Structures are given as structure tokens and as C-alpha cells.
Amino acid sequence: MYLDLTDVLRDSGTSVERSIEIPAGTVLEEWELTEPATGWVRASNARRSIVVRGAAKTAVKMECSRCLCEYSQPLEFDLDVTVPISTFNSFLGPAAVEEDENDEGDELTRDDIDALFQEHSLDVSELVRQAIVLAAPIQPLCRPDCEGLPEAKAYNDVKDDPRWAALQALNDKKSGLN
């Protein structure tokens, strides 16, 4: 899904807005959408930069970090990218953009920009994929009270394992119980 930025690039102060609709079952690299991704995205020409803002929500297939079961993780996220308009010089022509010598540049690398923008279009699917990467939990849980693998429960039930006696004695000594 691409957003055409032709008019936005040519006229300062203009913007274009589009709804996001990526169907369920779509795979964005490692992320499979279990619910459609819906939301909006707006690209605006802020004279020296193209500012992209938006919001979306979806659900992705994840694996629980405790029980290793697959489940659907709902996600809501914001879309936010700012790119210097000079990035598009090849499309606009070198005379169309005046450069600012004091411009500090952007945090995006050339690879990031190349992944998001193709000539004069924004790859909205890639922008959504990057936002999913940032919004996805590091240790996903299928539910807050997930007990984990059934095999692991047997280890939690062991109360007085003699192999831990030396460590328990050190802990008791430190706590002043002995």
C-alpha cells in the first residue's frame, strides 16, 4: 500500500491523508496480522521536511514466552516519521529545494528512508510494520496468569530439594535465622 506524495512534495503547506486498511492474514515480514490493520496516515509538507503522522490498530500472531502457545496480540500504535525534503531531490530536481546549512539532519538512516520511500511514494505497509516492531511486547504473554509449560510446574512444586541445602543455609545465615 503506497501513498503518493507528488502534490505534497511540490507545494509547501499541503498535505494528503489516507485511511489504512491492510487485510487480516497479511504477513509483514515476521508479523502475521490476525485482524485487519485499520487507521489513518497523513503526510504534510512542512517547508523543509515531509512530516508523516498517523495512528492504527491491529492484532498480530505471537508466541507466549511462558507456555509457547500461539495467540493473537492486539496492538495500537502511532505512526511518526519526519524526513528532510532534500531526500527527494532526485524527484524534484536540485533547484526545487533550498538546503539549510544549519539543518542537523534526521535520525533516520539512508536504509530507513529507502525502505519507507520509493521515489515520490510512501510505503505505508512498511511504516505499519516498523510501528508493530516498536509496539510489540518484548516478553509476550497469552494471558497475565499464564502458568507456563506443564513440565515446568513440576519444578516449582519441589519444596525441600537437598541439592539446594547449602544455598538455603547461606540465605538463612544472611537473614539472621541461624
N, C-alpha and C. Protein backbone atom coordinates (compact mmCIF):
# COMPACT_ATOMS: atom_id res chain seq x y z
N MET A 1 0.85 -1.17 0.00
CA MET A 1 0.00 0.00 0.00
C MET A 1 0.89 1.24 0.00
N TYR A 2 0.72 2.08 -1.00
CA TYR A 2 1.56 3.26 -1.16
C TYR A 2 0.72 4.54 -1.10
N LEU A 3 1.33 5.59 -0.57
CA LEU A 3 0.72 6.91 -0.51
C LEU A 3 1.51 7.82 -1.44
N ASP A 4 0.86 8.34 -2.47
CA ASP A 4 1.52 9.21 -3.45
C ASP A 4 1.75 10.58 -2.84
N LEU A 5 3.01 11.03 -2.86
CA LEU A 5 3.39 12.30 -2.25
C LEU A 5 3.70 13.39 -3.28
N THR A 6 3.35 13.17 -4.54
CA THR A 6 3.72 14.11 -5.60
C THR A 6 3.28 15.52 -5.30
N ASP A 7 2.00 15.73 -4.99
CA ASP A 7 1.49 17.08 -4.72
C ASP A 7 2.07 17.67 -3.44
N VAL A 8 2.27 16.83 -2.45
CA VAL A 8 2.82 17.29 -1.16
C VAL A 8 4.25 17.77 -1.33
N LEU A 9 5.02 17.09 -2.16
CA LEU A 9 6.42 17.47 -2.36
C LEU A 9 6.56 18.80 -3.10
N ARG A 10 5.63 19.11 -3.95
CA ARG A 10 5.75 20.31 -4.79
C ARG A 10 5.30 21.59 -4.10
N ASP A 11 4.36 21.52 -3.19
CA ASP A 11 3.80 22.73 -2.59
C ASP A 11 3.92 22.71 -1.07
N SER A 12 4.62 23.71 -0.55
CA SER A 12 4.77 23.84 0.89
C SER A 12 3.41 24.07 1.54
N GLY A 13 3.17 23.41 2.66
CA GLY A 13 1.92 23.56 3.39
C GLY A 13 0.82 22.60 2.99
N THR A 14 1.03 21.84 1.94
CA THR A 14 -0.01 20.90 1.51
C THR A 14 0.14 19.58 2.26
N SER A 15 -0.96 18.84 2.29
CA SER A 15 -0.92 17.53 2.93
C SER A 15 -1.89 16.60 2.21
N VAL A 16 -1.69 15.32 2.44
CA VAL A 16 -2.57 14.30 1.90
C VAL A 16 -2.82 13.29 3.01
N GLU A 17 -4.07 12.88 3.13
CA GLU A 17 -4.44 11.92 4.17
C GLU A 17 -5.14 10.73 3.52
N ARG A 18 -4.89 9.56 4.09
CA ARG A 18 -5.49 8.34 3.55
C ARG A 18 -5.76 7.37 4.70
N SER A 19 -6.82 6.60 4.54
CA SER A 19 -7.10 5.58 5.55
C SER A 19 -6.22 4.37 5.29
N ILE A 20 -5.92 3.66 6.37
CA ILE A 20 -5.10 2.44 6.28
C ILE A 20 -6.03 1.25 6.40
N GLU A 21 -5.93 0.35 5.46
CA GLU A 21 -6.70 -0.89 5.50
C GLU A 21 -5.84 -2.01 4.94
N ILE A 22 -5.23 -2.76 5.83
CA ILE A 22 -4.43 -3.91 5.44
C ILE A 22 -5.16 -5.15 5.94
N PRO A 23 -5.54 -6.07 5.06
CA PRO A 23 -6.40 -7.19 5.47
C PRO A 23 -5.73 -8.17 6.43
N ALA A 24 -6.57 -8.85 7.22
CA ALA A 24 -6.08 -9.91 8.12
C ALA A 24 -5.46 -11.00 7.26
N GLY A 25 -4.46 -11.66 7.80
CA GLY A 25 -3.76 -12.72 7.07
C GLY A 25 -2.55 -12.21 6.32
N THR A 26 -2.42 -10.89 6.19
CA THR A 26 -1.25 -10.31 5.53
C THR A 26 -0.03 -10.54 6.41
N VAL A 27 1.08 -10.90 5.79
CA VAL A 27 2.32 -11.10 6.52
C VAL A 27 3.25 -9.95 6.18
N LEU A 28 3.62 -9.18 7.20
CA LEU A 28 4.56 -8.08 7.06
C LEU A 28 5.88 -8.56 7.65
N GLU A 29 6.72 -9.16 6.81
CA GLU A 29 7.94 -9.86 7.20
C GLU A 29 7.61 -10.92 8.25
N GLU A 30 8.00 -10.71 9.50
CA GLU A 30 7.79 -11.74 10.53
C GLU A 30 6.45 -11.62 11.25
N TRP A 31 5.64 -10.63 10.92
CA TRP A 31 4.39 -10.37 11.63
C TRP A 31 3.19 -10.74 10.77
N GLU A 32 2.39 -11.71 11.23
CA GLU A 32 1.16 -12.05 10.54
C GLU A 32 0.00 -11.36 11.23
N LEU A 33 -0.78 -10.60 10.46
CA LEU A 33 -1.92 -9.89 11.02
C LEU A 33 -3.08 -10.85 11.22
N THR A 34 -3.59 -10.93 12.44
CA THR A 34 -4.75 -11.78 12.73
C THR A 34 -6.04 -10.98 12.66
N GLU A 35 -5.94 -9.67 12.67
CA GLU A 35 -7.06 -8.76 12.47
C GLU A 35 -6.61 -7.72 11.45
N PRO A 36 -7.54 -7.13 10.71
CA PRO A 36 -7.12 -6.10 9.75
C PRO A 36 -6.45 -4.92 10.46
N ALA A 37 -5.45 -4.35 9.82
CA ALA A 37 -4.83 -3.12 10.32
C ALA A 37 -5.64 -1.97 9.77
N THR A 38 -6.20 -1.17 10.67
CA THR A 38 -7.02 -0.03 10.27
C THR A 38 -6.52 1.22 10.97
N GLY A 39 -6.68 2.35 10.30
CA GLY A 39 -6.26 3.61 10.88
C GLY A 39 -6.17 4.67 9.81
N TRP A 40 -5.29 5.63 10.01
CA TRP A 40 -5.11 6.73 9.07
C TRP A 40 -3.65 7.17 9.05
N VAL A 41 -3.26 7.80 7.95
CA VAL A 41 -1.91 8.35 7.81
C VAL A 41 -2.03 9.67 7.04
N ARG A 42 -1.26 10.66 7.48
CA ARG A 42 -1.25 11.98 6.83
C ARG A 42 0.20 12.38 6.59
N ALA A 43 0.49 12.83 5.39
CA ALA A 43 1.81 13.35 5.05
C ALA A 43 1.65 14.83 4.73
N SER A 44 2.50 15.66 5.36
CA SER A 44 2.41 17.11 5.18
C SER A 44 3.77 17.67 4.81
N ASN A 45 3.75 18.71 3.98
CA ASN A 45 4.97 19.41 3.61
C ASN A 45 5.15 20.56 4.59
N ALA A 46 6.17 20.46 5.43
CA ALA A 46 6.46 21.49 6.43
C ALA A 46 7.64 22.35 5.97
N ARG A 47 7.68 22.66 4.71
CA ARG A 47 8.66 23.51 4.04
C ARG A 47 10.02 22.85 3.87
N ARG A 48 10.64 22.40 4.93
CA ARG A 48 11.95 21.76 4.81
C ARG A 48 11.89 20.25 5.07
N SER A 49 10.71 19.78 5.48
CA SER A 49 10.55 18.36 5.82
C SER A 49 9.20 17.85 5.37
N ILE A 50 9.16 16.55 5.17
CA ILE A 50 7.89 15.86 4.99
C ILE A 50 7.61 15.20 6.34
N VAL A 51 6.46 15.55 6.93
CA VAL A 51 6.08 15.03 8.24
C VAL A 51 4.94 14.04 8.03
N VAL A 52 5.16 12.83 8.49
CA VAL A 52 4.15 11.77 8.37
C VAL A 52 3.65 11.44 9.77
N ARG A 53 2.34 11.54 9.95
CA ARG A 53 1.71 11.22 11.23
C ARG A 53 0.52 10.31 10.96
N GLY A 54 0.18 9.53 11.96
CA GLY A 54 -1.00 8.67 11.83
C GLY A 54 -1.17 7.80 13.05
N ALA A 55 -2.17 6.95 12.99
CA ALA A 55 -2.45 6.01 14.08
C ALA A 55 -3.13 4.80 13.46
N ALA A 56 -2.92 3.66 14.06
CA ALA A 56 -3.53 2.42 13.55
C ALA A 56 -3.65 1.41 14.67
N LYS A 57 -4.45 0.38 14.40
CA LYS A 57 -4.58 -0.72 15.35
C LYS A 57 -4.74 -2.01 14.55
N THR A 58 -4.31 -3.10 15.17
CA THR A 58 -4.40 -4.42 14.56
C THR A 58 -4.14 -5.45 15.66
N ALA A 59 -4.04 -6.69 15.26
CA ALA A 59 -3.61 -7.77 16.15
C ALA A 59 -2.67 -8.65 15.34
N VAL A 60 -1.61 -9.12 15.98
CA VAL A 60 -0.63 -9.95 15.31
C VAL A 60 -0.47 -11.28 16.02
N LYS A 61 -0.06 -12.28 15.26
CA LYS A 61 0.18 -13.61 15.83
C LYS A 61 1.51 -13.58 16.55
N MET A 62 1.49 -14.00 17.82
CA MET A 62 2.70 -14.06 18.63
C MET A 62 2.76 -15.38 19.37
N GLU A 63 3.92 -15.67 19.94
CA GLU A 63 4.12 -16.87 20.74
C GLU A 63 4.35 -16.45 22.18
N CYS A 64 3.57 -17.03 23.10
CA CYS A 64 3.69 -16.72 24.52
C CYS A 64 5.09 -17.11 25.00
N SER A 65 5.72 -16.24 25.76
CA SER A 65 7.08 -16.51 26.23
C SER A 65 7.11 -17.52 27.38
N ARG A 66 5.95 -17.84 27.96
CA ARG A 66 5.90 -18.82 29.05
C ARG A 66 5.47 -20.21 28.58
N CYS A 67 4.34 -20.27 27.88
CA CYS A 67 3.80 -21.59 27.51
C CYS A 67 4.06 -21.95 26.05
N LEU A 68 4.62 -21.01 25.27
CA LEU A 68 4.97 -21.20 23.87
C LEU A 68 3.77 -21.45 22.95
N CYS A 69 2.57 -21.12 23.41
CA CYS A 69 1.38 -21.23 22.57
C CYS A 69 1.24 -19.98 21.71
N GLU A 70 0.70 -20.15 20.51
CA GLU A 70 0.43 -19.01 19.66
C GLU A 70 -0.87 -18.34 20.12
N TYR A 71 -0.89 -17.02 20.04
CA TYR A 71 -2.09 -16.27 20.39
C TYR A 71 -2.10 -14.98 19.59
N SER A 72 -3.22 -14.27 19.64
CA SER A 72 -3.37 -13.02 18.91
C SER A 72 -3.17 -11.86 19.88
N GLN A 73 -2.18 -11.02 19.61
CA GLN A 73 -1.85 -9.87 20.47
C GLN A 73 -2.40 -8.59 19.85
N PRO A 74 -3.40 -7.95 20.49
CA PRO A 74 -3.89 -6.68 19.96
C PRO A 74 -2.86 -5.56 20.18
N LEU A 75 -2.73 -4.67 19.19
CA LEU A 75 -1.77 -3.57 19.27
C LEU A 75 -2.41 -2.29 18.76
N GLU A 76 -2.12 -1.19 19.42
CA GLU A 76 -2.47 0.15 18.95
C GLU A 76 -1.17 0.94 18.91
N PHE A 77 -0.96 1.70 17.85
CA PHE A 77 0.31 2.39 17.71
C PHE A 77 0.15 3.67 16.90
N ASP A 78 1.10 4.58 17.10
CA ASP A 78 1.16 5.83 16.35
C ASP A 78 2.20 5.67 15.24
N LEU A 79 1.98 6.38 14.17
CA LEU A 79 2.92 6.43 13.04
C LEU A 79 3.53 7.82 13.04
N ASP A 80 4.85 7.90 12.99
CA ASP A 80 5.52 9.19 13.12
C ASP A 80 6.88 9.14 12.43
N VAL A 81 7.01 9.89 11.33
CA VAL A 81 8.28 9.96 10.60
C VAL A 81 8.44 11.38 10.08
N THR A 82 9.65 11.91 10.20
CA THR A 82 9.98 13.21 9.61
C THR A 82 11.22 13.02 8.75
N VAL A 83 11.11 13.44 7.50
CA VAL A 83 12.21 13.25 6.54
C VAL A 83 12.51 14.59 5.88
N PRO A 84 13.78 14.97 5.80
CA PRO A 84 14.13 16.22 5.11
C PRO A 84 13.65 16.17 3.65
N ILE A 85 13.11 17.27 3.19
CA ILE A 85 12.60 17.30 1.82
C ILE A 85 13.74 17.15 0.80
N SER A 86 14.96 17.46 1.21
CA SER A 86 16.11 17.29 0.32
C SER A 86 16.32 15.83 -0.08
N THR A 87 15.74 14.91 0.67
CA THR A 87 15.81 13.48 0.34
C THR A 87 15.21 13.21 -1.03
N PHE A 88 14.26 14.04 -1.43
CA PHE A 88 13.54 13.83 -2.67
C PHE A 88 14.09 14.67 -3.83
N ASN A 89 15.33 15.14 -3.73
CA ASN A 89 15.92 15.97 -4.78
C ASN A 89 15.91 15.30 -6.14
N SER A 90 16.12 14.00 -6.19
CA SER A 90 16.15 13.32 -7.48
C SER A 90 14.78 13.39 -8.16
N PHE A 91 13.73 13.44 -7.37
CA PHE A 91 12.38 13.53 -7.94
C PHE A 91 12.04 14.98 -8.28
N LEU A 92 12.40 15.91 -7.38
CA LEU A 92 12.02 17.31 -7.55
C LEU A 92 12.99 18.08 -8.44
N GLY A 93 14.22 17.63 -8.51
CA GLY A 93 15.26 18.39 -9.20
C GLY A 93 16.02 19.21 -8.18
N PRO A 94 17.33 19.37 -8.33
CA PRO A 94 18.15 20.04 -7.32
C PRO A 94 17.76 21.49 -7.06
N ALA A 95 17.18 22.19 -8.03
CA ALA A 95 16.84 23.59 -7.82
C ALA A 95 15.53 23.77 -7.06
N ALA A 96 14.75 22.71 -6.90
CA ALA A 96 13.43 22.83 -6.28
C ALA A 96 13.49 22.96 -4.77
N VAL A 97 14.60 22.58 -4.17
CA VAL A 97 14.69 22.57 -2.71
C VAL A 97 15.89 23.39 -2.28
N GLU A 98 15.67 24.36 -1.39
CA GLU A 98 16.80 25.10 -0.86
C GLU A 98 17.29 24.41 0.40
N GLU A 99 18.57 24.17 0.44
CA GLU A 99 19.19 23.45 1.56
C GLU A 99 19.47 24.41 2.70
N ASP A 100 19.40 23.93 3.90
CA ASP A 100 19.74 24.71 5.08
C ASP A 100 21.04 24.16 5.64
N GLU A 101 22.07 25.01 5.69
CA GLU A 101 23.38 24.56 6.16
C GLU A 101 23.35 24.20 7.64
N ASN A 102 22.43 24.79 8.41
CA ASN A 102 22.33 24.52 9.83
C ASN A 102 21.43 23.34 10.15
N ASP A 103 20.89 22.71 9.13
CA ASP A 103 19.99 21.57 9.34
C ASP A 103 20.78 20.42 9.95
N GLU A 104 20.36 19.99 11.10
CA GLU A 104 21.06 18.93 11.82
C GLU A 104 20.89 17.56 11.19
N GLY A 105 19.97 17.41 10.29
CA GLY A 105 19.73 16.10 9.70
C GLY A 105 18.67 15.36 10.50
N ASP A 106 18.41 14.17 10.10
CA ASP A 106 17.34 13.39 10.71
C ASP A 106 17.94 12.14 11.35
N GLU A 107 17.22 11.57 12.26
CA GLU A 107 17.68 10.36 12.92
C GLU A 107 17.58 9.13 12.02
N LEU A 108 16.82 9.24 10.93
CA LEU A 108 16.67 8.11 10.02
C LEU A 108 17.94 7.92 9.22
N THR A 109 18.30 6.66 9.02
CA THR A 109 19.44 6.36 8.18
C THR A 109 18.98 6.28 6.73
N ARG A 110 19.92 6.23 5.83
CA ARG A 110 19.59 6.13 4.41
C ARG A 110 18.81 4.84 4.14
N ASP A 111 19.17 3.75 4.82
CA ASP A 111 18.45 2.48 4.66
C ASP A 111 16.99 2.61 5.11
N ASP A 112 16.77 3.32 6.22
CA ASP A 112 15.40 3.54 6.71
C ASP A 112 14.59 4.32 5.69
N ILE A 113 15.19 5.36 5.16
CA ILE A 113 14.50 6.20 4.17
C ILE A 113 14.20 5.39 2.91
N ASP A 114 15.18 4.60 2.45
CA ASP A 114 14.97 3.78 1.25
C ASP A 114 13.89 2.73 1.46
N ALA A 115 13.76 2.22 2.70
CA ALA A 115 12.72 1.22 2.98
C ALA A 115 11.33 1.85 2.98
N LEU A 116 11.23 3.10 3.42
CA LEU A 116 9.92 3.75 3.54
C LEU A 116 9.48 4.48 2.27
N PHE A 117 10.42 5.03 1.52
CA PHE A 117 10.07 5.88 0.39
C PHE A 117 10.64 5.31 -0.90
N GLN A 118 9.80 5.21 -1.92
CA GLN A 118 10.24 4.84 -3.26
C GLN A 118 9.90 6.03 -4.16
N GLU A 119 10.94 6.75 -4.58
CA GLU A 119 10.81 7.97 -5.38
C GLU A 119 9.90 8.97 -4.68
N HIS A 120 8.64 9.06 -5.07
CA HIS A 120 7.72 10.05 -4.52
C HIS A 120 6.55 9.41 -3.78
N SER A 121 6.72 8.16 -3.33
CA SER A 121 5.65 7.44 -2.64
C SER A 121 6.13 6.92 -1.29
N LEU A 122 5.20 6.89 -0.33
CA LEU A 122 5.47 6.34 0.99
C LEU A 122 4.90 4.93 1.06
N ASP A 123 5.71 3.97 1.47
CA ASP A 123 5.26 2.59 1.65
C ASP A 123 4.59 2.48 3.02
N VAL A 124 3.27 2.59 3.04
CA VAL A 124 2.51 2.59 4.29
C VAL A 124 2.62 1.24 5.00
N SER A 125 2.66 0.15 4.24
CA SER A 125 2.79 -1.19 4.84
C SER A 125 4.10 -1.31 5.62
N GLU A 126 5.19 -0.77 5.08
CA GLU A 126 6.47 -0.80 5.78
C GLU A 126 6.43 0.08 7.03
N LEU A 127 5.77 1.21 6.94
CA LEU A 127 5.63 2.09 8.09
C LEU A 127 4.85 1.39 9.20
N VAL A 128 3.78 0.69 8.85
CA VAL A 128 2.99 -0.08 9.82
C VAL A 128 3.83 -1.21 10.41
N ARG A 129 4.60 -1.90 9.57
CA ARG A 129 5.45 -2.99 10.06
C ARG A 129 6.45 -2.47 11.10
N GLN A 130 7.09 -1.34 10.80
CA GLN A 130 8.06 -0.77 11.74
C GLN A 130 7.38 -0.36 13.05
N ALA A 131 6.18 0.16 12.97
CA ALA A 131 5.45 0.55 14.18
C ALA A 131 5.06 -0.68 14.99
N ILE A 132 4.73 -1.79 14.32
CA ILE A 132 4.41 -3.04 15.03
C ILE A 132 5.63 -3.54 15.78
N VAL A 133 6.80 -3.46 15.16
CA VAL A 133 8.03 -3.89 15.82
C VAL A 133 8.23 -3.11 17.12
N LEU A 134 7.97 -1.82 17.09
CA LEU A 134 8.15 -0.99 18.28
C LEU A 134 7.06 -1.20 19.33
N ALA A 135 5.84 -1.53 18.89
CA ALA A 135 4.71 -1.67 19.81
C ALA A 135 4.58 -3.07 20.40
N ALA A 136 5.16 -4.08 19.76
CA ALA A 136 5.01 -5.46 20.23
C ALA A 136 5.75 -5.65 21.56
N PRO A 137 5.16 -6.40 22.48
CA PRO A 137 5.82 -6.63 23.77
C PRO A 137 7.08 -7.48 23.61
N ILE A 138 8.06 -7.22 24.46
CA ILE A 138 9.32 -7.96 24.40
C ILE A 138 9.11 -9.39 24.90
N GLN A 139 8.35 -9.54 25.98
CA GLN A 139 8.02 -10.86 26.52
C GLN A 139 6.51 -11.03 26.43
N PRO A 140 6.02 -11.49 25.29
CA PRO A 140 4.57 -11.60 25.13
C PRO A 140 3.98 -12.70 26.01
N LEU A 141 2.82 -12.42 26.58
CA LEU A 141 2.10 -13.39 27.40
C LEU A 141 0.70 -13.57 26.84
N CYS A 142 0.27 -14.83 26.70
CA CYS A 142 -1.07 -15.09 26.17
C CYS A 142 -2.14 -14.59 27.13
N ARG A 143 -1.83 -14.58 28.42
CA ARG A 143 -2.71 -14.01 29.45
C ARG A 143 -1.83 -13.74 30.68
N PRO A 144 -2.20 -12.79 31.51
CA PRO A 144 -1.34 -12.42 32.63
C PRO A 144 -1.07 -13.55 33.62
N ASP A 145 -2.01 -14.48 33.78
CA ASP A 145 -1.83 -15.56 34.74
C ASP A 145 -1.34 -16.85 34.09
N CYS A 146 -0.68 -16.76 32.93
CA CYS A 146 -0.16 -17.95 32.24
C CYS A 146 0.83 -18.66 33.15
N GLU A 147 0.62 -19.96 33.36
CA GLU A 147 1.48 -20.74 34.25
C GLU A 147 2.71 -21.31 33.55
N GLY A 148 2.77 -21.20 32.27
CA GLY A 148 3.93 -21.70 31.55
C GLY A 148 3.75 -23.14 31.11
N LEU A 149 4.85 -23.76 30.73
CA LEU A 149 4.81 -25.14 30.26
C LEU A 149 4.40 -26.08 31.38
N PRO A 150 3.59 -27.09 31.07
CA PRO A 150 3.18 -28.03 32.12
C PRO A 150 4.37 -28.74 32.76
N GLU A 151 5.41 -29.00 31.99
CA GLU A 151 6.59 -29.67 32.53
C GLU A 151 7.31 -28.82 33.57
N ALA A 152 7.25 -27.49 33.42
CA ALA A 152 7.93 -26.59 34.34
C ALA A 152 7.24 -26.52 35.69
N LYS A 153 5.95 -26.81 35.74
CA LYS A 153 5.21 -26.76 37.01
C LYS A 153 5.75 -27.76 38.02
N ALA A 154 6.22 -28.89 37.55
CA ALA A 154 6.78 -29.91 38.45
C ALA A 154 8.00 -29.37 39.21
N TYR A 155 8.78 -28.51 38.58
CA TYR A 155 9.95 -27.94 39.23
C TYR A 155 9.56 -26.91 40.29
N ASN A 156 8.47 -26.23 40.09
CA ASN A 156 8.01 -25.23 41.05
C ASN A 156 7.43 -25.86 42.30
N ASP A 157 6.97 -27.10 42.23
CA ASP A 157 6.35 -27.77 43.36
C ASP A 157 7.36 -28.40 44.32
N VAL A 158 8.62 -28.46 43.95
CA VAL A 158 9.63 -29.06 44.81
C VAL A 158 9.95 -28.09 45.94
N LYS A 159 9.72 -28.52 47.17
CA LYS A 159 9.91 -27.64 48.33
C LYS A 159 11.29 -27.82 48.97
N ASP A 160 11.61 -29.03 49.34
CA ASP A 160 12.85 -29.29 50.08
C ASP A 160 13.77 -30.19 49.27
N ASP A 161 14.41 -29.63 48.29
CA ASP A 161 15.37 -30.37 47.48
C ASP A 161 16.72 -30.30 48.18
N PRO A 162 17.29 -31.44 48.57
CA PRO A 162 18.56 -31.43 49.31
C PRO A 162 19.72 -30.80 48.54
N ARG A 163 19.61 -30.71 47.22
CA ARG A 163 20.69 -30.11 46.43
C ARG A 163 20.82 -28.62 46.70
N TRP A 164 19.77 -27.98 47.21
CA TRP A 164 19.79 -26.56 47.49
C TRP A 164 20.07 -26.24 48.97
N ALA A 165 20.37 -27.24 49.76
CA ALA A 165 20.56 -27.06 51.20
C ALA A 165 21.68 -26.07 51.53
N ALA A 166 22.80 -26.14 50.81
CA ALA A 166 23.93 -25.25 51.10
C ALA A 166 23.54 -23.79 50.82
N LEU A 167 22.85 -23.56 49.74
CA LEU A 167 22.41 -22.19 49.43
C LEU A 167 21.37 -21.71 50.42
N GLN A 168 20.48 -22.59 50.83
CA GLN A 168 19.46 -22.21 51.80
C GLN A 168 20.12 -21.84 53.13
N ALA A 169 21.18 -22.59 53.53
CA ALA A 169 21.89 -22.29 54.76
C ALA A 169 22.55 -20.90 54.68
N LEU A 170 23.14 -20.56 53.53
CA LEU A 170 23.74 -19.24 53.35
C LEU A 170 22.68 -18.14 53.44
N ASN A 171 21.53 -18.40 52.83
CA ASN A 171 20.45 -17.42 52.87
C ASN A 171 19.93 -17.24 54.29
N ASP A 172 19.78 -18.33 55.01
CA ASP A 172 19.32 -18.26 56.39
C ASP A 172 20.32 -17.50 57.26
N LYS A 173 21.61 -17.74 57.03
CA LYS A 173 22.66 -17.08 57.81
C LYS A 173 22.64 -15.57 57.53
N LYS A 174 22.47 -15.22 56.26
CA LYS A 174 22.42 -13.81 55.86
C LYS A 174 21.19 -13.12 56.47
N SER A 175 20.10 -13.84 56.55
CA SER A 175 18.85 -13.28 57.08
C SER A 175 18.85 -13.26 58.59
N GLY A 176 19.84 -13.89 59.23
CA GLY A 176 19.92 -13.93 60.68
C GLY A 176 19.04 -14.99 61.29
N LEU A 177 18.62 -15.98 60.53
CA LEU A 177 17.78 -17.04 61.06
C LEU A 177 18.57 -18.13 61.74
N ASN A 178 19.84 -18.23 61.51
CA ASN A 178 20.68 -19.26 62.12
C ASN A 178 21.63 -18.70 63.11
